[in-house]
Amino acid sequence: MRHILTFMKIRAKVVALLGAVFLALTFVEWGVGQALLLPRFEEIALDNARTAMKRIDFGVHQALNEIQVSATDWGNWKDTYEFLQDHNAQFAQDNLNETSMRQLRLMTGLS
């Protein structure tokens, strides 16, 4: 009978010891995750967010530049169309000068 009580005491001690070791390892794992891993993952997430924002910013600026070029082009054609309709002398003075003709390579035969 005494042997059985000793066995139970040893069994309870082993279970308690294993439980304590498991609990300690759980806290160590949680601490390592909080102290070492979580900050690194947050840093990676922030870096990815910054990269994504740079890409978005570049895309928006690219789209705005394309819209600006298109709007300028359409604006010039609108002015040209109106000049063909009303022969506006101010348009001819502003746009049909020697510089613009050279840029369009229209002065080669005239010079």
N, C-alpha and C. Protein backbone atom coordinates (compact mmCIF):
# COMPACT_ATOMS: atom_id res chain seq x y z
N MET A 1 0.82 -1.18 0.00
CA MET A 1 0.00 0.00 0.00
C MET A 1 0.87 1.26 0.00
N ARG A 2 1.92 1.21 0.74
CA ARG A 2 2.83 2.34 0.81
C ARG A 2 3.48 2.58 -0.56
N HIS A 3 3.75 1.49 -1.27
CA HIS A 3 4.35 1.59 -2.60
C HIS A 3 3.42 2.33 -3.57
N ILE A 4 2.13 2.09 -3.48
CA ILE A 4 1.16 2.74 -4.34
C ILE A 4 1.10 4.24 -4.04
N LEU A 5 1.16 4.64 -2.79
CA LEU A 5 1.14 6.04 -2.43
C LEU A 5 2.39 6.75 -2.94
N THR A 6 3.53 6.08 -2.89
CA THR A 6 4.76 6.66 -3.39
C THR A 6 4.67 6.85 -4.89
N PHE A 7 4.10 5.86 -5.55
CA PHE A 7 3.94 5.96 -7.00
C PHE A 7 3.03 7.13 -7.37
N MET A 8 1.96 7.33 -6.66
CA MET A 8 1.04 8.42 -6.92
C MET A 8 1.71 9.77 -6.68
N LYS A 9 2.53 9.82 -5.65
CA LYS A 9 3.22 11.06 -5.38
C LYS A 9 4.20 11.38 -6.51
N ILE A 10 4.90 10.37 -6.98
CA ILE A 10 5.85 10.59 -8.07
C ILE A 10 5.11 10.98 -9.34
N ARG A 11 3.98 10.31 -9.57
CA ARG A 11 3.19 10.62 -10.76
C ARG A 11 2.68 12.06 -10.71
N ALA A 12 2.18 12.46 -9.58
CA ALA A 12 1.69 13.83 -9.43
C ALA A 12 2.84 14.83 -9.60
N LYS A 13 4.00 14.50 -9.08
CA LYS A 13 5.15 15.38 -9.21
C LYS A 13 5.58 15.51 -10.68
N VAL A 14 5.58 14.41 -11.39
CA VAL A 14 5.97 14.43 -12.80
C VAL A 14 4.96 15.24 -13.62
N VAL A 15 3.67 15.04 -13.35
CA VAL A 15 2.63 15.79 -14.06
C VAL A 15 2.77 17.28 -13.74
N ALA A 16 2.98 17.61 -12.49
CA ALA A 16 3.14 19.02 -12.11
C ALA A 16 4.39 19.61 -12.76
N LEU A 17 5.48 18.86 -12.77
CA LEU A 17 6.71 19.34 -13.38
C LEU A 17 6.53 19.54 -14.89
N LEU A 18 5.92 18.58 -15.55
CA LEU A 18 5.68 18.72 -17.00
C LEU A 18 4.74 19.89 -17.29
N GLY A 19 3.74 20.07 -16.46
CA GLY A 19 2.84 21.20 -16.62
C GLY A 19 3.57 22.52 -16.45
N ALA A 20 4.45 22.58 -15.46
CA ALA A 20 5.21 23.82 -15.22
C ALA A 20 6.18 24.09 -16.38
N VAL A 21 6.83 23.05 -16.88
CA VAL A 21 7.75 23.22 -18.01
C VAL A 21 6.96 23.67 -19.25
N PHE A 22 5.81 23.05 -19.49
CA PHE A 22 4.99 23.44 -20.63
C PHE A 22 4.54 24.89 -20.51
N LEU A 23 4.10 25.29 -19.31
CA LEU A 23 3.68 26.66 -19.07
C LEU A 23 4.85 27.64 -19.26
N ALA A 24 6.02 27.28 -18.75
CA ALA A 24 7.21 28.14 -18.90
C ALA A 24 7.59 28.28 -20.36
N LEU A 25 7.58 27.18 -21.10
CA LEU A 25 7.92 27.24 -22.53
C LEU A 25 6.89 28.05 -23.31
N THR A 26 5.63 27.98 -22.90
CA THR A 26 4.60 28.77 -23.55
C THR A 26 4.87 30.26 -23.35
N PHE A 27 5.22 30.65 -22.13
CA PHE A 27 5.54 32.05 -21.87
C PHE A 27 6.81 32.50 -22.59
N VAL A 28 7.79 31.63 -22.67
CA VAL A 28 9.02 31.97 -23.40
C VAL A 28 8.71 32.17 -24.88
N GLU A 29 7.92 31.26 -25.45
CA GLU A 29 7.54 31.40 -26.86
C GLU A 29 6.77 32.69 -27.10
N TRP A 30 5.84 33.02 -26.24
CA TRP A 30 5.07 34.26 -26.37
C TRP A 30 6.00 35.47 -26.26
N GLY A 31 6.92 35.43 -25.30
CA GLY A 31 7.85 36.54 -25.11
C GLY A 31 8.76 36.74 -26.32
N VAL A 32 9.26 35.64 -26.87
CA VAL A 32 10.11 35.73 -28.06
C VAL A 32 9.31 36.31 -29.23
N GLY A 33 8.08 35.86 -29.38
CA GLY A 33 7.24 36.38 -30.45
C GLY A 33 6.99 37.87 -30.30
N GLN A 34 6.71 38.31 -29.09
CA GLN A 34 6.45 39.74 -28.84
C GLN A 34 7.71 40.59 -28.97
N ALA A 35 8.82 40.08 -28.47
CA ALA A 35 10.04 40.88 -28.43
C ALA A 35 10.82 40.86 -29.74
N LEU A 36 10.84 39.74 -30.42
CA LEU A 36 11.69 39.61 -31.61
C LEU A 36 10.91 39.55 -32.91
N LEU A 37 9.89 38.73 -32.96
CA LEU A 37 9.21 38.49 -34.23
C LEU A 37 8.20 39.58 -34.59
N LEU A 38 7.37 39.98 -33.64
CA LEU A 38 6.32 40.95 -33.95
C LEU A 38 6.87 42.28 -34.46
N PRO A 39 7.90 42.86 -33.83
CA PRO A 39 8.44 44.12 -34.38
C PRO A 39 8.97 43.96 -35.81
N ARG A 40 9.58 42.85 -36.10
CA ARG A 40 10.11 42.63 -37.46
C ARG A 40 8.97 42.52 -38.48
N PHE A 41 7.90 41.81 -38.11
CA PHE A 41 6.76 41.70 -39.01
C PHE A 41 6.08 43.06 -39.20
N GLU A 42 6.01 43.86 -38.13
CA GLU A 42 5.45 45.20 -38.27
C GLU A 42 6.31 46.05 -39.20
N GLU A 43 7.62 45.92 -39.09
CA GLU A 43 8.54 46.66 -39.96
C GLU A 43 8.35 46.25 -41.42
N ILE A 44 8.21 44.96 -41.66
CA ILE A 44 8.00 44.46 -43.02
C ILE A 44 6.67 44.98 -43.57
N ALA A 45 5.62 44.96 -42.75
CA ALA A 45 4.31 45.45 -43.18
C ALA A 45 4.38 46.94 -43.52
N LEU A 46 5.06 47.73 -42.68
CA LEU A 46 5.19 49.16 -42.96
C LEU A 46 5.99 49.40 -44.23
N ASP A 47 7.04 48.63 -44.44
CA ASP A 47 7.84 48.77 -45.65
C ASP A 47 7.01 48.44 -46.89
N ASN A 48 6.22 47.39 -46.81
CA ASN A 48 5.34 47.03 -47.93
C ASN A 48 4.29 48.12 -48.18
N ALA A 49 3.77 48.70 -47.11
CA ALA A 49 2.79 49.77 -47.26
C ALA A 49 3.43 51.00 -47.91
N ARG A 50 4.66 51.34 -47.50
CA ARG A 50 5.35 52.48 -48.11
C ARG A 50 5.60 52.22 -49.60
N THR A 51 6.03 51.02 -49.93
CA THR A 51 6.27 50.68 -51.33
C THR A 51 4.98 50.78 -52.14
N ALA A 52 3.89 50.27 -51.58
CA ALA A 52 2.60 50.35 -52.28
C ALA A 52 2.17 51.80 -52.47
N MET A 53 2.39 52.64 -51.46
CA MET A 53 2.02 54.05 -51.58
C MET A 53 2.87 54.76 -52.63
N LYS A 54 4.15 54.41 -52.71
CA LYS A 54 5.00 55.00 -53.75
C LYS A 54 4.50 54.60 -55.13
N ARG A 55 4.10 53.35 -55.29
CA ARG A 55 3.57 52.90 -56.58
C ARG A 55 2.28 53.61 -56.92
N ILE A 56 1.40 53.76 -55.94
CA ILE A 56 0.14 54.47 -56.16
C ILE A 56 0.41 55.92 -56.52
N ASP A 57 1.32 56.55 -55.78
CA ASP A 57 1.67 57.95 -56.05
C ASP A 57 2.22 58.10 -57.47
N PHE A 58 3.11 57.19 -57.86
CA PHE A 58 3.66 57.24 -59.21
C PHE A 58 2.56 57.07 -60.25
N GLY A 59 1.66 56.11 -60.02
CA GLY A 59 0.57 55.87 -60.97
C GLY A 59 -0.36 57.07 -61.11
N VAL A 60 -0.66 57.71 -59.99
CA VAL A 60 -1.53 58.89 -60.03
C VAL A 60 -0.84 60.02 -60.78
N HIS A 61 0.45 60.25 -60.48
CA HIS A 61 1.17 61.31 -61.17
C HIS A 61 1.29 61.02 -62.68
N GLN A 62 1.50 59.76 -63.02
CA GLN A 62 1.59 59.37 -64.42
C GLN A 62 0.26 59.64 -65.12
N ALA A 63 -0.83 59.27 -64.47
CA ALA A 63 -2.16 59.51 -65.06
C ALA A 63 -2.43 61.01 -65.20
N LEU A 64 -2.06 61.78 -64.19
CA LEU A 64 -2.26 63.24 -64.27
C LEU A 64 -1.42 63.86 -65.39
N ASN A 65 -0.19 63.38 -65.56
CA ASN A 65 0.64 63.89 -66.65
C ASN A 65 0.02 63.57 -68.01
N GLU A 66 -0.50 62.35 -68.15
CA GLU A 66 -1.13 61.98 -69.41
C GLU A 66 -2.39 62.81 -69.66
N ILE A 67 -3.16 63.08 -68.62
CA ILE A 67 -4.35 63.91 -68.77
C ILE A 67 -3.94 65.33 -69.16
N GLN A 68 -2.87 65.84 -68.54
CA GLN A 68 -2.41 67.18 -68.85
C GLN A 68 -1.98 67.29 -70.31
N VAL A 69 -1.23 66.29 -70.79
CA VAL A 69 -0.80 66.30 -72.19
C VAL A 69 -2.01 66.24 -73.11
N SER A 70 -2.95 65.39 -72.78
CA SER A 70 -4.14 65.26 -73.62
C SER A 70 -4.97 66.54 -73.60
N ALA A 71 -5.13 67.13 -72.42
CA ALA A 71 -5.91 68.36 -72.33
C ALA A 71 -5.22 69.49 -73.09
N THR A 72 -3.89 69.58 -72.99
CA THR A 72 -3.16 70.61 -73.73
C THR A 72 -3.32 70.40 -75.22
N ASP A 73 -3.19 69.14 -75.65
CA ASP A 73 -3.34 68.83 -77.07
C ASP A 73 -4.73 69.20 -77.56
N TRP A 74 -5.76 68.81 -76.81
CA TRP A 74 -7.13 69.14 -77.22
C TRP A 74 -7.35 70.64 -77.18
N GLY A 75 -6.76 71.33 -76.21
CA GLY A 75 -6.90 72.78 -76.14
C GLY A 75 -6.29 73.45 -77.35
N ASN A 76 -5.12 72.98 -77.77
CA ASN A 76 -4.48 73.54 -78.97
C ASN A 76 -5.32 73.29 -80.21
N TRP A 77 -5.87 72.10 -80.33
CA TRP A 77 -6.70 71.81 -81.50
C TRP A 77 -7.97 72.63 -81.50
N LYS A 78 -8.53 72.89 -80.31
CA LYS A 78 -9.73 73.71 -80.23
C LYS A 78 -9.42 75.13 -80.72
N ASP A 79 -8.29 75.68 -80.26
CA ASP A 79 -7.90 77.02 -80.71
C ASP A 79 -7.65 77.04 -82.22
N THR A 80 -7.03 76.00 -82.73
CA THR A 80 -6.77 75.93 -84.18
C THR A 80 -8.07 75.84 -84.96
N TYR A 81 -9.00 75.04 -84.45
CA TYR A 81 -10.30 74.91 -85.11
C TYR A 81 -11.02 76.26 -85.15
N GLU A 82 -10.99 76.97 -84.01
CA GLU A 82 -11.63 78.28 -83.97
C GLU A 82 -10.94 79.27 -84.91
N PHE A 83 -9.61 79.17 -85.03
CA PHE A 83 -8.89 80.04 -85.97
C PHE A 83 -9.32 79.79 -87.41
N LEU A 84 -9.52 78.51 -87.74
CA LEU A 84 -9.96 78.19 -89.10
C LEU A 84 -11.37 78.71 -89.37
N GLN A 85 -12.18 78.84 -88.32
CA GLN A 85 -13.54 79.35 -88.48
C GLN A 85 -13.58 80.88 -88.56
N ASP A 86 -12.80 81.55 -87.66
CA ASP A 86 -12.95 83.01 -87.59
C ASP A 86 -11.71 83.80 -87.99
N HIS A 87 -10.63 83.12 -88.35
CA HIS A 87 -9.37 83.76 -88.78
C HIS A 87 -8.90 84.83 -87.78
N ASN A 88 -8.87 84.45 -86.52
CA ASN A 88 -8.49 85.33 -85.41
C ASN A 88 -7.04 85.77 -85.57
N ALA A 89 -6.81 87.06 -85.69
CA ALA A 89 -5.46 87.60 -85.89
C ALA A 89 -4.58 87.37 -84.67
N GLN A 90 -5.16 87.38 -83.47
CA GLN A 90 -4.36 87.17 -82.25
C GLN A 90 -3.79 85.75 -82.23
N PHE A 91 -4.58 84.75 -82.66
CA PHE A 91 -4.09 83.38 -82.72
C PHE A 91 -2.92 83.29 -83.69
N ALA A 92 -3.05 83.91 -84.85
CA ALA A 92 -1.97 83.88 -85.85
C ALA A 92 -0.72 84.54 -85.30
N GLN A 93 -0.88 85.64 -84.58
CA GLN A 93 0.28 86.33 -84.03
C GLN A 93 0.95 85.50 -82.94
N ASP A 94 0.15 84.83 -82.10
CA ASP A 94 0.70 84.05 -80.98
C ASP A 94 1.27 82.71 -81.43
N ASN A 95 0.67 82.08 -82.42
CA ASN A 95 1.02 80.70 -82.74
C ASN A 95 1.68 80.49 -84.09
N LEU A 96 1.50 81.37 -85.00
CA LEU A 96 2.05 81.18 -86.34
C LEU A 96 3.27 82.08 -86.52
N ASN A 97 4.21 81.96 -85.60
CA ASN A 97 5.44 82.76 -85.67
C ASN A 97 6.60 81.88 -86.14
N GLU A 98 7.74 82.49 -86.29
CA GLU A 98 8.90 81.78 -86.82
C GLU A 98 9.33 80.61 -85.93
N THR A 99 9.26 80.80 -84.61
CA THR A 99 9.67 79.74 -83.68
C THR A 99 8.79 78.51 -83.83
N SER A 100 7.49 78.71 -83.84
CA SER A 100 6.59 77.55 -83.96
C SER A 100 6.73 76.89 -85.32
N MET A 101 6.98 77.65 -86.36
CA MET A 101 7.16 77.07 -87.69
C MET A 101 8.44 76.23 -87.75
N ARG A 102 9.47 76.70 -87.08
CA ARG A 102 10.71 75.89 -87.03
C ARG A 102 10.49 74.60 -86.26
N GLN A 103 9.76 74.69 -85.14
CA GLN A 103 9.48 73.49 -84.36
C GLN A 103 8.68 72.48 -85.17
N LEU A 104 7.82 72.96 -86.00
CA LEU A 104 7.02 72.07 -86.87
C LEU A 104 7.74 71.72 -88.16
N ARG A 105 8.94 72.28 -88.36
CA ARG A 105 9.75 72.07 -89.54
C ARG A 105 9.01 72.51 -90.81
N LEU A 106 8.35 73.65 -90.69
CA LEU A 106 7.63 74.20 -91.84
C LEU A 106 8.39 75.33 -92.51
N MET A 107 9.49 75.79 -91.90
CA MET A 107 10.23 76.93 -92.42
C MET A 107 11.36 76.50 -93.37
N THR A 108 11.55 75.23 -93.60
CA THR A 108 12.68 74.78 -94.43
C THR A 108 12.58 75.29 -95.84
N GLY A 109 11.39 75.33 -96.38
CA GLY A 109 11.23 75.80 -97.74
C GLY A 109 11.15 77.31 -97.83
N LEU A 110 10.87 77.99 -96.72
CA LEU A 110 10.69 79.42 -96.72
C LEU A 110 11.98 80.19 -96.43
N SER A 111 12.94 79.57 -95.74
CA SER A 111 14.13 80.31 -95.35
C SER A 111 15.18 80.30 -96.42
